[in-house]
Protein backbone atom coordinates (compact mmCIF):
# COMPACT_ATOMS: atom_id res chain seq x y z
CA MET A 1 0.00 0.00 0.00
CA SER A 2 2.74 2.43 0.96
CA ILE A 3 4.57 1.62 -2.29
CA GLY A 4 1.50 2.73 -4.28
CA ILE A 5 1.24 5.93 -2.27
CA ILE A 6 4.93 6.68 -2.81
CA ASN A 7 4.75 6.05 -6.57
CA SER A 8 1.69 8.28 -7.00
CA ALA A 9 3.15 11.01 -4.80
CA ILE A 10 6.53 10.94 -6.57
CA SER A 11 4.81 11.23 -9.95
CA GLY A 12 2.93 14.21 -8.55
CA LEU A 13 6.18 15.77 -7.34
CA ALA A 14 7.66 15.44 -10.85
CA ALA A 15 4.52 16.84 -12.51
CA PHE A 16 4.21 19.81 -10.18
CA GLN A 17 7.94 20.48 -10.40
CA ARG A 18 7.60 20.67 -14.19
CA SER A 19 4.55 22.92 -13.81
CA LEU A 20 6.55 25.25 -11.57
CA ASP A 21 9.39 25.23 -14.12
CA VAL A 22 7.02 26.21 -16.96
CA THR A 23 5.33 28.87 -14.85
CA SER A 24 8.71 30.33 -13.94
CA ASN A 25 9.68 30.32 -17.63
CA ASN A 26 6.46 32.17 -18.50
CA ILE A 27 7.23 34.86 -15.93
CA ALA A 28 10.81 35.19 -17.18
CA ASN A 29 9.57 35.75 -20.76
CA VAL A 30 6.79 38.21 -19.95
CA ASN A 31 8.52 40.88 -22.07
CA THR A 32 10.01 38.59 -24.73
CA GLU A 33 8.74 39.58 -28.18
CA GLY A 34 6.82 36.78 -29.86
CA TYR A 35 6.77 34.50 -26.82
CA SER A 36 3.67 32.36 -26.41
CA ARG A 37 2.55 31.38 -22.92
CA GLN A 38 3.13 27.70 -22.20
CA ARG A 39 1.29 25.27 -19.99
CA VAL A 40 1.87 21.71 -18.82
CA GLU A 41 -0.73 19.18 -19.90
CA LEU A 42 -1.06 16.27 -17.47
CA GLN A 43 -2.60 12.85 -17.91
CA THR A 44 -3.31 10.06 -15.44
CA ARG A 45 -1.17 6.97 -15.43
CA PRO A 46 -2.79 3.67 -16.33
CA GLU A 47 -4.82 2.24 -13.46
CA GLN A 48 -3.78 -0.94 -11.74
CA TYR A 49 -6.35 -3.71 -11.08
CA SER A 50 -6.76 -5.14 -7.62
CA GLY A 51 -9.43 -7.30 -6.08
CA ASN A 52 -11.22 -4.17 -4.89
CA GLY A 53 -11.20 -2.47 -8.29
CA TYR A 54 -8.91 -0.35 -10.43
CA MET A 55 -6.55 1.89 -8.50
CA GLY A 56 -4.90 5.03 -9.84
CA SER A 57 -1.13 5.04 -10.13
CA GLY A 58 -0.32 8.71 -10.37
CA VAL A 59 0.18 11.30 -13.10
CA ASN A 60 2.40 11.83 -16.14
CA VAL A 61 3.42 15.00 -17.97
CA ALA A 62 1.86 14.53 -21.42
CA THR A 63 3.37 17.59 -23.11
CA ILE A 64 4.31 21.22 -22.70
CA LYS A 65 1.99 23.12 -24.99
CA ARG A 66 2.11 26.75 -26.08
CA SER A 67 -1.01 28.89 -26.38
CA TYR A 68 -1.45 29.17 -30.13
CA ASP A 69 -4.22 29.60 -32.67
CA GLU A 70 -3.39 29.54 -36.38
CA PHE A 71 -6.51 31.51 -37.31
CA ILE A 72 -5.63 34.35 -34.93
CA ASN A 73 -2.04 34.40 -36.17
CA ASN A 74 -3.27 34.63 -39.75
CA GLN A 75 -5.52 37.52 -38.74
CA VAL A 76 -2.59 39.32 -37.12
CA ARG A 77 -0.43 38.89 -40.23
CA ALA A 78 -3.19 39.96 -42.64
CA SER A 79 -4.13 43.05 -40.63
CA SER A 80 -0.46 43.94 -40.18
CA THR A 81 0.11 43.73 -43.93
CA ALA A 82 -2.87 45.99 -44.65
CA PHE A 83 -1.90 48.51 -41.96
CA HIS A 84 1.77 48.80 -42.93
CA ASP A 85 0.81 49.31 -46.58
CA VAL A 86 -1.49 52.26 -45.93
CA ASP A 87 0.71 53.58 -43.10
CA ASN A 88 3.75 53.73 -45.39
CA PHE A 89 1.70 55.31 -48.19
CA TYR A 90 0.30 57.91 -45.78
CA ARG A 91 3.68 58.87 -44.36
CA LEU A 92 5.17 59.32 -47.83
CA SER A 93 2.15 61.10 -49.31
CA SER A 94 2.07 63.49 -46.34
CA ARG A 95 5.51 64.72 -47.34
CA ILE A 96 4.28 65.73 -50.80
CA ASP A 97 1.01 67.08 -49.43
CA ASN A 98 2.84 69.30 -46.94
CA LEU A 99 5.37 70.32 -49.58
CA LEU A 100 2.75 71.51 -52.07
CA ALA A 101 0.33 73.05 -49.57
CA ASP A 102 2.94 74.98 -47.58
CA GLN A 103 3.07 78.66 -48.53
CA SER A 104 6.85 78.74 -48.25
CA THR A 105 7.52 75.69 -50.40
CA GLY A 106 4.42 75.53 -52.63
CA LEU A 107 4.04 77.34 -55.93
CA SER A 108 0.86 79.33 -55.35
CA SER A 109 2.39 82.36 -53.66
CA ALA A 110 5.53 82.26 -55.81
CA MET A 111 3.45 82.20 -59.01
CA LYS A 112 1.28 85.05 -57.76
CA THR A 113 4.32 87.13 -56.81
CA PHE A 114 5.90 86.58 -60.21
CA PHE A 115 2.84 87.66 -62.18
CA ASN A 116 2.39 90.63 -59.83
CA SER A 117 5.85 91.77 -60.86
CA VAL A 118 4.88 91.37 -64.53
CA ASN A 119 1.77 93.47 -63.85
CA ASP A 120 3.95 96.15 -62.26
CA VAL A 121 6.00 96.37 -65.46
CA ALA A 122 2.79 96.54 -67.50
CA ASN A 123 1.57 99.39 -65.27
CA ASP A 124 4.86 101.31 -65.56
CA PRO A 125 7.00 99.93 -68.41
CA THR A 126 9.61 102.68 -68.00
CA SER A 127 10.34 101.82 -64.36
CA LEU A 128 13.73 100.16 -64.07
CA PRO A 129 13.08 99.04 -60.47
CA ALA A 130 9.86 97.29 -61.60
CA ARG A 131 11.78 95.60 -64.41
CA GLN A 132 14.50 94.50 -61.99
CA VAL A 133 11.87 93.00 -59.70
CA MET A 134 10.40 91.11 -62.66
CA LEU A 135 13.84 89.67 -63.43
CA SER A 136 14.34 88.69 -59.80
CA GLU A 137 10.91 87.10 -59.50
CA GLY A 138 11.40 85.27 -62.79
CA ASP A 139 14.58 83.79 -61.39
CA ALA A 140 12.78 83.05 -58.11
CA ILE A 141 9.87 81.18 -59.72
CA ALA A 142 12.31 79.08 -61.77
CA LYS A 143 14.29 78.24 -58.65
CA HIS A 144 11.05 77.43 -56.86
CA PHE A 145 10.31 74.84 -59.54
CA ASN A 146 13.90 73.59 -59.20
CA SER A 147 13.53 73.28 -55.43
CA LEU A 148 10.29 71.32 -55.70
CA SER A 149 11.88 69.02 -58.26
CA ALA A 150 14.85 68.45 -55.95
CA ARG A 151 12.52 67.64 -53.06
CA PHE A 152 10.64 65.18 -55.26
CA GLU A 153 13.94 63.50 -56.10
CA GLU A 154 14.80 63.32 -52.39
CA ILE A 155 11.48 61.58 -51.74
CA ARG A 156 12.12 59.26 -54.70
CA GLN A 157 15.52 58.38 -53.26
CA GLN A 158 13.89 57.69 -49.90
CA VAL A 159 11.43 55.34 -51.61
CA ASN A 160 14.30 53.51 -53.32
CA ASN A 161 16.20 53.28 -50.03
CA ASN A 162 13.08 51.98 -48.27
CA LEU A 163 12.65 49.34 -50.95
CA GLU A 164 16.30 48.29 -50.71
CA THR A 165 16.10 47.99 -46.93
CA SER A 166 12.80 46.10 -47.00
CA VAL A 167 14.06 43.65 -49.62
CA GLN A 168 17.19 42.95 -47.59
CA GLU A 169 15.10 42.38 -44.47
CA VAL A 170 12.67 40.04 -46.26
CA ASN A 171 15.59 38.01 -47.61
CA ALA A 172 17.08 37.74 -44.11
CA PHE A 173 13.69 36.71 -42.68
CA ALA A 174 13.16 34.12 -45.41
CA LYS A 175 16.58 32.56 -44.85
CA SER A 176 16.03 32.38 -41.09
CA ILE A 177 12.54 30.89 -41.50
CA ALA A 178 13.89 28.23 -43.85
CA ASN A 179 16.57 27.35 -41.28
CA LEU A 180 13.94 27.21 -38.53
CA ASN A 181 11.81 24.93 -40.72
CA GLN A 182 14.71 22.50 -40.81
CA GLN A 183 15.33 22.73 -37.06
CA ILE A 184 11.65 22.24 -36.29
CA THR A 185 11.25 19.19 -38.52
CA ASP A 186 14.42 17.69 -37.02
CA ALA A 187 13.15 18.31 -33.47
CA ILE A 188 9.74 16.81 -34.22
CA GLY A 189 11.39 13.79 -35.81
CA LYS A 190 13.65 13.34 -32.79
CA SER A 191 10.57 13.04 -30.57
CA GLN A 192 8.90 10.77 -33.14
CA GLY A 193 6.26 13.42 -33.69
CA LEU A 194 5.09 13.43 -30.08
CA GLN A 195 6.51 16.79 -28.93
CA LEU A 196 6.80 20.23 -30.51
CA PRO A 197 9.75 22.66 -30.13
CA ASN A 198 7.78 25.60 -28.76
CA ALA A 199 10.61 28.14 -28.68
CA LEU A 200 11.60 27.45 -32.29
CA MET A 201 8.00 27.75 -33.42
CA ASP A 202 7.64 31.06 -31.57
CA GLN A 203 10.75 32.35 -33.33
CA ARG A 204 9.33 31.33 -36.70
CA ASP A 205 5.98 32.98 -36.01
CA LEU A 206 7.75 36.19 -35.00
CA LEU A 207 9.76 36.25 -38.23
CA LEU A 208 6.60 35.59 -40.25
CA ALA A 209 4.92 38.52 -38.49
CA LYS A 210 7.86 40.77 -39.35
CA MET A 211 7.81 39.57 -42.95
CA ALA A 212 4.08 40.31 -43.16
CA GLU A 213 4.86 43.94 -42.30
CA LYS A 214 6.93 44.14 -45.48
CA MET A 215 4.72 42.26 -47.96
CA ASP A 216 1.59 40.14 -48.15
CA ILE A 217 2.29 36.45 -47.65
CA ALA A 218 0.29 33.24 -47.46
CA VAL A 219 1.47 30.68 -44.88
CA VAL A 220 0.64 27.02 -45.46
CA PRO A 221 1.45 24.51 -42.64
CA GLN A 222 2.93 21.20 -43.79
CA PRO A 223 2.48 17.75 -42.17
CA ASN A 224 6.15 17.60 -41.13
CA GLY A 225 5.83 20.83 -39.11
CA SER A 226 7.43 23.15 -41.65
CA PHE A 227 5.67 26.17 -43.14
CA SER A 228 5.51 26.98 -46.85
CA VAL A 229 5.33 30.69 -47.56
CA PHE A 230 3.99 32.24 -50.76
CA ALA A 231 4.25 35.88 -51.82
CA GLY A 232 1.86 38.03 -53.82
CA GLN A 233 -0.31 35.89 -56.05
CA GLY A 234 1.19 32.56 -55.06
CA GLN A 235 4.87 32.86 -55.93
CA PRO A 236 6.77 30.40 -53.67
CA LEU A 237 9.08 32.27 -51.31
CA ILE A 238 9.88 29.51 -48.79
CA LEU A 239 9.49 25.78 -49.36
CA GLY A 240 10.84 23.65 -46.54
CA ASN A 241 14.44 24.62 -45.89
CA HIS A 242 14.79 26.47 -49.21
CA ALA A 243 14.24 30.23 -49.44
CA SER A 244 14.06 32.27 -52.63
CA SER A 245 15.62 35.73 -52.71
CA LEU A 246 14.02 39.02 -53.66
CA SER A 247 15.95 41.65 -55.57
CA LEU A 248 15.42 45.06 -57.10
CA GLN A 249 16.15 45.41 -60.78
CA ALA A 250 15.98 48.32 -63.18
CA ALA A 251 12.95 48.01 -65.46
CA LEU A 252 13.91 46.91 -68.95
CA ASP A 253 12.04 49.79 -70.55
CA ASP A 254 12.83 52.37 -67.83
CA PRO A 255 16.13 52.02 -65.91
CA SER A 256 15.06 54.68 -63.39
CA ARG A 257 12.25 52.43 -62.14
CA ARG A 258 12.93 49.54 -59.76
CA MET A 259 11.10 46.26 -60.18
CA LEU A 260 10.71 43.71 -57.40
CA MET A 261 12.07 40.44 -58.76
CA MET A 262 11.86 36.86 -57.51
CA ASN A 263 13.12 33.85 -59.44
CA GLY A 264 13.48 36.01 -62.55
CA GLU A 265 9.88 37.23 -62.39
CA ASP A 266 8.63 40.76 -61.75
CA ILE A 267 6.25 40.52 -58.80
CA SER A 268 5.96 44.28 -58.17
CA HIS A 269 2.29 44.41 -59.06
CA THR A 270 1.29 41.05 -57.65
CA LEU A 271 1.58 42.41 -54.11
CA THR A 272 -1.48 43.73 -52.32
CA GLY A 273 -0.09 44.94 -49.01
CA GLY A 274 2.89 45.63 -46.79
CA GLN A 275 5.48 48.38 -46.69
CA ILE A 276 6.98 47.34 -50.04
CA TYR A 277 3.61 47.59 -51.76
CA GLY A 278 2.94 50.92 -50.03
CA SER A 279 6.19 52.32 -51.44
CA ILE A 280 5.48 51.04 -54.95
CA ARG A 281 1.88 52.27 -54.83
CA PHE A 282 3.02 55.71 -53.66
CA ARG A 283 5.71 55.93 -56.33
CA ASP A 284 3.47 54.88 -59.20
CA GLY A 285 0.22 56.46 -58.04
CA MET A 286 1.31 59.76 -56.51
CA LEU A 287 4.97 60.67 -56.87
CA ASP A 288 5.32 60.02 -60.61
CA PRO A 289 2.06 61.78 -61.61
CA ALA A 290 2.80 64.77 -59.34
CA GLN A 291 6.30 65.15 -60.74
CA GLN A 292 4.98 64.84 -64.29
CA GLN A 293 2.30 67.45 -63.67
CA MET A 294 4.79 69.78 -62.01
CA GLY A 295 7.03 69.42 -65.05
CA LEU A 296 4.03 70.08 -67.28
CA MET A 297 3.41 73.31 -65.40
CA ALA A 298 7.04 74.38 -65.73
CA SER A 299 7.18 73.66 -69.44
CA GLY A 300 3.75 75.22 -69.97
CA LEU A 301 4.80 78.42 -68.20
CA ALA A 302 8.10 78.58 -70.09
CA GLU A 303 6.72 77.85 -73.55
CA GLU A 304 3.68 80.11 -73.34
CA PHE A 305 5.58 82.94 -71.67
CA ASN A 306 8.40 82.67 -74.20
CA ALA A 307 5.98 82.56 -77.15
CA VAL A 308 4.59 85.98 -76.17
CA TYR A 309 7.89 87.40 -74.93
CA ARG A 310 9.70 86.72 -78.22
CA ASN A 311 7.31 89.12 -79.97
CA GLY A 312 8.36 92.01 -77.73
CA TYR A 313 11.14 94.61 -77.80
CA ASP A 314 13.30 95.86 -74.97
CA MET A 315 14.22 99.45 -74.10
CA GLN A 316 17.18 99.23 -76.46
CA GLY A 317 15.02 98.27 -79.42
CA GLN A 318 16.16 94.65 -79.46
CA ASN A 319 13.72 91.89 -80.25
CA GLY A 320 12.84 89.62 -77.31
CA GLN A 321 14.53 86.28 -76.76
CA ASN A 322 13.32 83.45 -74.57
CA PHE A 323 12.65 84.62 -71.01
CA PHE A 324 12.89 81.08 -69.59
CA GLU A 325 15.11 78.22 -70.65
CA LEU A 326 14.24 74.53 -70.48
CA GLY A 327 16.27 71.38 -70.72
CA THR A 328 15.71 68.88 -73.52
CA PRO A 329 13.80 65.78 -72.45
CA THR A 330 15.19 62.44 -73.52
CA ALA A 331 13.63 59.02 -73.37
CA GLN A 332 15.03 56.33 -71.14
CA VAL A 333 15.81 53.28 -73.25
CA ARG A 334 16.31 49.62 -72.42
CA VAL A 335 15.88 47.06 -75.16
CA THR A 336 13.65 44.16 -74.13
CA ALA A 337 14.01 41.96 -77.21
CA GLY A 338 17.20 41.19 -79.08
CA ASP A 339 20.53 42.82 -78.35
CA THR A 340 20.24 45.98 -80.43
CA ALA A 341 21.50 49.22 -78.93
CA LEU A 342 19.07 52.05 -79.55
CA LYS A 343 19.50 55.76 -79.11
CA VAL A 344 16.23 57.61 -78.73
CA THR A 345 15.53 61.31 -78.53
CA ALA A 346 12.10 62.57 -77.61
CA VAL A 347 11.47 65.78 -79.50
CA TYR A 348 10.11 68.45 -77.14
CA LEU A 349 6.87 70.13 -78.14
CA PRO A 350 4.70 72.77 -76.42
CA PRO A 351 2.57 71.26 -73.67
CA ASP A 352 -0.77 72.14 -75.20
CA PRO A 353 -2.36 71.24 -77.47
CA LEU A 354 -0.58 67.94 -77.87
CA ASP A 355 -1.98 64.91 -79.63
CA LEU A 356 -1.05 61.62 -78.06
CA SER A 357 -4.10 59.84 -79.31
CA ILE A 358 -5.43 60.06 -82.82
CA THR A 359 -8.99 60.13 -81.49
CA ASN A 360 -8.33 62.82 -78.89
CA PRO A 361 -6.26 65.73 -80.27
CA THR A 362 -6.45 67.73 -77.02
CA GLN A 363 -4.83 65.15 -74.77
CA ASN A 364 -1.90 66.63 -72.87
CA TRP A 365 1.53 65.23 -72.01
CA GLY A 366 1.07 65.05 -68.26
CA ALA A 367 1.94 61.36 -68.21
CA SER A 368 4.56 58.83 -69.24
CA TYR A 369 4.25 56.75 -72.37
CA ARG A 370 5.56 53.40 -73.51
CA VAL A 371 6.55 53.01 -77.14
CA THR A 372 6.65 49.42 -78.40
CA VAL A 373 8.13 48.39 -81.74
CA THR A 374 5.38 46.28 -83.30
CA GLY A 375 6.90 45.75 -86.73
CA ILE A 376 9.00 47.32 -89.43
CA ASP A 377 8.60 51.09 -88.98
CA THR A 378 5.45 50.59 -86.90
CA TYR A 379 4.97 51.42 -83.24
CA GLN A 380 2.38 51.39 -80.50
CA LEU A 381 2.08 54.30 -78.07
CA THR A 382 0.56 53.51 -74.65
CA ASN A 383 -0.42 56.10 -72.06
CA LEU A 384 0.78 54.57 -68.78
CA SER A 385 -1.75 56.56 -66.77
CA THR A 386 -4.80 55.41 -68.71
CA ASN A 387 -3.41 52.29 -70.44
CA GLN A 388 -4.89 53.63 -73.69
CA ALA A 389 -2.87 52.61 -76.72
CA VAL A 390 -2.74 53.87 -80.30
CA ASP A 391 -0.81 52.51 -83.24
CA LEU A 392 1.72 54.77 -84.92
CA SER A 393 3.25 54.21 -88.32
CA SER A 394 6.31 56.02 -89.62
CA PHE A 395 5.93 58.24 -92.63
CA GLY A 396 7.78 61.00 -94.42
CA GLU A 397 11.46 60.94 -95.27
CA LEU A 398 12.62 59.73 -91.84
CA THR A 399 12.01 56.00 -92.03
CA ASP A 400 12.85 55.55 -88.35
CA THR A 401 10.54 58.24 -87.06
CA ALA A 402 7.18 57.58 -85.47
CA ALA A 403 4.94 60.65 -85.54
CA ALA A 404 1.30 61.46 -85.02
CA ASN A 405 -0.23 64.93 -84.75
CA GLY A 406 2.81 66.60 -83.21
CA PHE A 407 4.28 63.59 -81.43
CA SER A 408 7.69 62.73 -82.84
CA ILE A 409 10.37 60.22 -81.90
CA ASN A 410 13.66 59.91 -83.71
CA ILE A 411 15.29 56.50 -83.35
CA ASP A 412 18.87 55.83 -84.39
CA GLY A 413 19.69 52.18 -84.92
CA THR A 414 17.87 49.04 -85.94
CA GLN A 415 14.79 48.15 -83.97
CA THR A 416 13.68 44.65 -83.08
CA GLN A 417 10.03 43.77 -82.80
CA GLY A 418 9.08 43.80 -79.13
CA ASP A 419 11.62 46.47 -78.13
CA THR A 420 10.07 48.98 -75.73
CA PHE A 421 11.08 52.24 -74.09
CA ILE A 422 9.53 54.85 -71.85
CA ILE A 423 9.06 58.52 -72.68
CA SER A 424 8.46 60.95 -69.82
CA PRO A 425 8.45 64.29 -71.66
CA HIS A 426 7.93 66.53 -68.64
CA PHE A 427 9.39 64.40 -65.88
CA ASN A 428 12.44 66.58 -65.22
CA MET A 429 11.20 69.87 -66.64
CA ALA A 430 10.59 71.43 -63.22
CA GLY A 431 14.22 70.77 -62.40
CA SER A 432 15.58 72.25 -65.63
CA ILE A 433 13.63 75.52 -65.98
CA LYS A 434 15.72 78.65 -65.41
CA LEU A 435 15.84 82.34 -66.24
CA ASN A 436 17.66 83.13 -69.49
CA GLN A 437 21.06 84.28 -68.28
CA ASN A 438 21.47 86.47 -71.38
CA ILE A 439 18.90 88.86 -69.89
CA ALA A 440 21.33 90.60 -67.58
CA SER A 441 19.81 94.09 -67.39
CA PRO A 442 16.29 95.34 -66.60
CA LYS A 443 16.50 97.36 -69.83
CA GLN A 444 16.48 94.05 -71.71
CA ILE A 445 12.94 93.23 -70.57
CA ALA A 446 10.89 93.05 -73.78
CA ALA A 447 7.68 94.83 -72.76
CA ALA A 448 6.90 96.80 -75.94
CA ALA A 449 5.26 95.59 -79.14
CA ALA A 450 7.62 97.54 -81.40
CA PRO A 451 11.12 99.02 -81.16
CA GLY A 452 11.51 102.60 -79.97
CA LEU A 453 8.32 102.61 -77.88
CA ALA A 454 9.78 102.89 -74.39
CA GLY A 455 6.39 103.49 -72.75
CA ASP A 456 4.55 100.76 -74.65
CA ASN A 457 3.24 97.96 -72.41
CA SER A 458 1.44 95.82 -75.00
CA ILE A 459 3.61 92.74 -74.59
CA ALA A 460 3.81 93.17 -70.82
CA LEU A 461 0.00 93.20 -70.66
CA GLN A 462 -0.16 89.99 -72.69
CA LEU A 463 2.42 88.41 -70.41
CA ALA A 464 0.47 89.45 -67.31
CA GLY A 465 -2.70 88.02 -68.83
CA LEU A 466 -1.13 84.56 -69.01
CA GLU A 467 -1.74 84.19 -65.28
CA SER A 468 -5.46 83.64 -65.79
CA LYS A 469 -5.44 82.46 -69.40
CA ASN A 470 -6.46 78.86 -70.06
CA LEU A 471 -3.20 77.55 -71.47
CA MET A 472 -3.34 73.92 -70.40
CA MET A 473 -5.51 70.89 -71.06
CA GLY A 474 -6.53 71.99 -74.53
CA GLY A 475 -7.36 75.51 -73.41
CA LYS A 476 -9.48 74.35 -70.47
CA SER A 477 -7.26 75.23 -67.51
CA SER A 478 -4.92 77.97 -66.37
CA LEU A 479 -1.57 77.42 -64.69
CA SER A 480 -3.02 78.15 -61.25
CA GLN A 481 -5.93 75.77 -61.90
CA ILE A 482 -3.53 73.00 -62.90
CA TYR A 483 -1.56 73.55 -59.71
CA GLY A 484 -4.77 73.59 -57.71
CA GLN A 485 -5.72 70.26 -59.26
CA ILE A 486 -2.33 68.80 -58.32
CA VAL A 487 -2.67 70.00 -54.72
CA ALA A 488 -6.28 68.79 -54.52
CA THR A 489 -5.45 65.35 -55.94
CA VAL A 490 -2.49 64.86 -53.61
CA GLY A 491 -4.50 66.15 -50.65
CA SER A 492 -7.44 63.89 -51.43
CA GLN A 493 -5.23 60.81 -51.74
CA THR A 494 -3.46 61.71 -48.50
CA ARG A 495 -6.72 62.18 -46.60
CA THR A 496 -8.03 58.88 -47.97
CA ALA A 497 -4.82 57.21 -46.82
CA MET A 498 -5.17 58.82 -43.38
CA VAL A 499 -8.72 57.49 -42.98
CA GLY A 500 -7.68 54.07 -44.25
CA ARG A 501 -4.71 54.06 -41.91
CA SER A 502 -6.93 54.76 -38.90
CA ALA A 503 -9.34 51.99 -39.88
CA GLN A 504 -6.59 49.45 -40.51
CA GLU A 505 -4.87 50.39 -37.26
CA VAL A 506 -8.04 49.53 -35.34
CA LEU A 507 -8.25 46.12 -37.05
CA PHE A 508 -4.55 45.48 -36.47
CA ASN A 509 -4.82 46.41 -32.80
CA GLN A 510 -7.87 44.19 -32.38
CA ALA A 511 -6.10 41.21 -33.93
CA THR A 512 -2.98 41.86 -31.87
CA ALA A 513 -5.06 42.12 -28.69
CA ALA A 514 -6.79 38.82 -29.51
CA ARG A 515 -3.42 37.12 -29.87
CA GLU A 516 -2.19 38.74 -26.66
CA ASP A 517 -5.27 37.54 -24.79
CA LEU A 518 -4.58 34.02 -25.99
CA ALA A 519 -0.79 33.81 -25.90
CA GLY A 520 0.41 36.68 -23.73
CA VAL A 521 1.76 36.16 -20.23
CA ASN A 522 -0.50 37.43 -17.44
CA LEU A 523 1.64 37.95 -14.34
CA ASP A 524 -1.33 37.80 -11.96
CA GLU A 525 -2.40 34.49 -13.42
CA GLU A 526 1.14 33.11 -13.30
CA ALA A 527 1.54 34.24 -9.68
CA ALA A 528 -1.66 32.38 -8.80
CA ASN A 529 -0.33 29.31 -10.63
CA LEU A 530 2.88 29.48 -8.62
CA ILE A 531 0.92 29.26 -5.37
CA LYS A 532 -1.32 26.51 -6.74
CA PHE A 533 1.57 24.35 -7.94
CA GLN A 534 3.59 25.07 -4.80
CA ASN A 535 0.72 23.87 -2.61
CA ALA A 536 0.27 20.82 -4.82
CA TYR A 537 3.97 20.05 -4.63
CA GLN A 538 3.93 20.38 -0.83
CA ALA A 539 0.89 18.11 -0.63
CA ALA A 540 2.62 15.50 -2.78
CA ALA A 541 5.71 15.77 -0.60
CA ARG A 542 3.50 15.28 2.48
CA ALA A 543 2.05 12.17 0.84
CA VAL A 544 5.57 10.82 0.39
CA SER A 545 6.25 11.53 4.07
CA VAL A 546 3.06 9.76 5.13
CA ALA A 547 3.93 6.76 2.96
CA SER A 548 7.39 6.68 4.52
CA ASN A 549 5.91 6.70 8.04
CA LEU A 550 3.52 3.91 7.13
CA PHE A 551 6.34 1.89 5.72
CA ASP A 552 8.45 2.45 8.85
CA THR A 553 5.50 1.33 11.03
CA LEU A 554 5.13 -1.81 8.97
CA ILE A 555 8.82 -2.61 9.25
CA GLY A 556 8.68 -2.05 13.01
CA ILE A 557 5.82 -4.56 13.41
CA VAL A 558 7.73 -7.17 11.43
CA ARG A 559 10.77 -6.71 13.62
């Protein structure tokens, strides 16, 4: 009898000792990121038959199990992916929104000040101080465009840096997860599938959560305990102990654009969430269009102002030259079929009216375009903003020129069918506009309509009228209206992102709280468990003592 008591009590001592060990480990890891609370699962030992019935024989430790729910973990990852996408987009878009809306950095006040100075010359064309102010403000508005362009490029560089960092982190996560897959399958095999390596599985879940911040992933558990991870629309990122690598590669038709590559495939637009997707979405949906439109404004101001200014005469009787200067846009080229080297020059044309579609002669150049060689001397022009495409055929004496209603591309070299390249006619115009340095004196301001008319303000009046004249969008919008549309579009997208960010943050916090309720360590609960298991251990020890006394009594009787 005493032997049975001792065996049961000793098994209890071992079980409660293990329970105290696990409770102590929970308390020690209360602040460990990714740690899941563990608990000891006990099971009764097989009963022993005696003449009076079946008698219990104690307790065994069945397993040490972590608090885990795959559904909740999937919810945390999915909500994290959605939140970090819109959060990254919002933070980046806020920079442009603040840049354009700020009176000190935006164009509204600078444009108004410039045209006020032109009005002052129109009001008093003989005033040298007024002319000097016009020169100064002309230089200032050009430098304002330059400054905005430089800030856009800074933001673009930040996006590229963010992408580089995120890709490196994802690759590191993927490699570590693949290694953990191997360690986990080995550990499960060592226990013949009966026990799970909780700490290793926590580490893997934590890395998956961090990866989900960067990009959307699908996690598929495997029978051997490993996880397969798929990116985007099902591209395998991790299979067992093998991890694929992500990389950034210059787009074949636009070297300035970075594509997200995996196993030789561009997966940039297969993503639907995460910081990487937020950066790509911001770049393609806000930064590029805003920079194009800003360049359109700069080239529109320069071309229209110059067109009027060239008809004027200065105080010395000299015919007007260009007031503003612009750089020459060139197309970025990367052959995508064959090995032919092409040199492409995009011929600059006034911003409006411009015909980029045969069916719509008033379409403007506020976008980028892809030109694809479709055959011998035939091309297809695609607006990357609208995805509308028109076929162009070469004609005239230049056999390697594609042209349609004012759109002209000169191509030197032999083209191969399937070759493509990108044309962004206004992309860098805001950065290249400047005051004509040949206008060194206020007397050289061409304000008169004819030579020898020092007090004539005809040209100056026309120049001042450009402020409100509908120059853009086929004569539908003025410069200030175009800028207002840019600011409104950026502001609207930013506000939408802010609202979306708040909503996704709530969902993310709810999912995180659900996981914390399930797997987080509650110190009050663990403290209560310590007392419970301590009392149980002491009771088991008392049972051992009682059994020992009984045994001693029995031995004494025999003696």
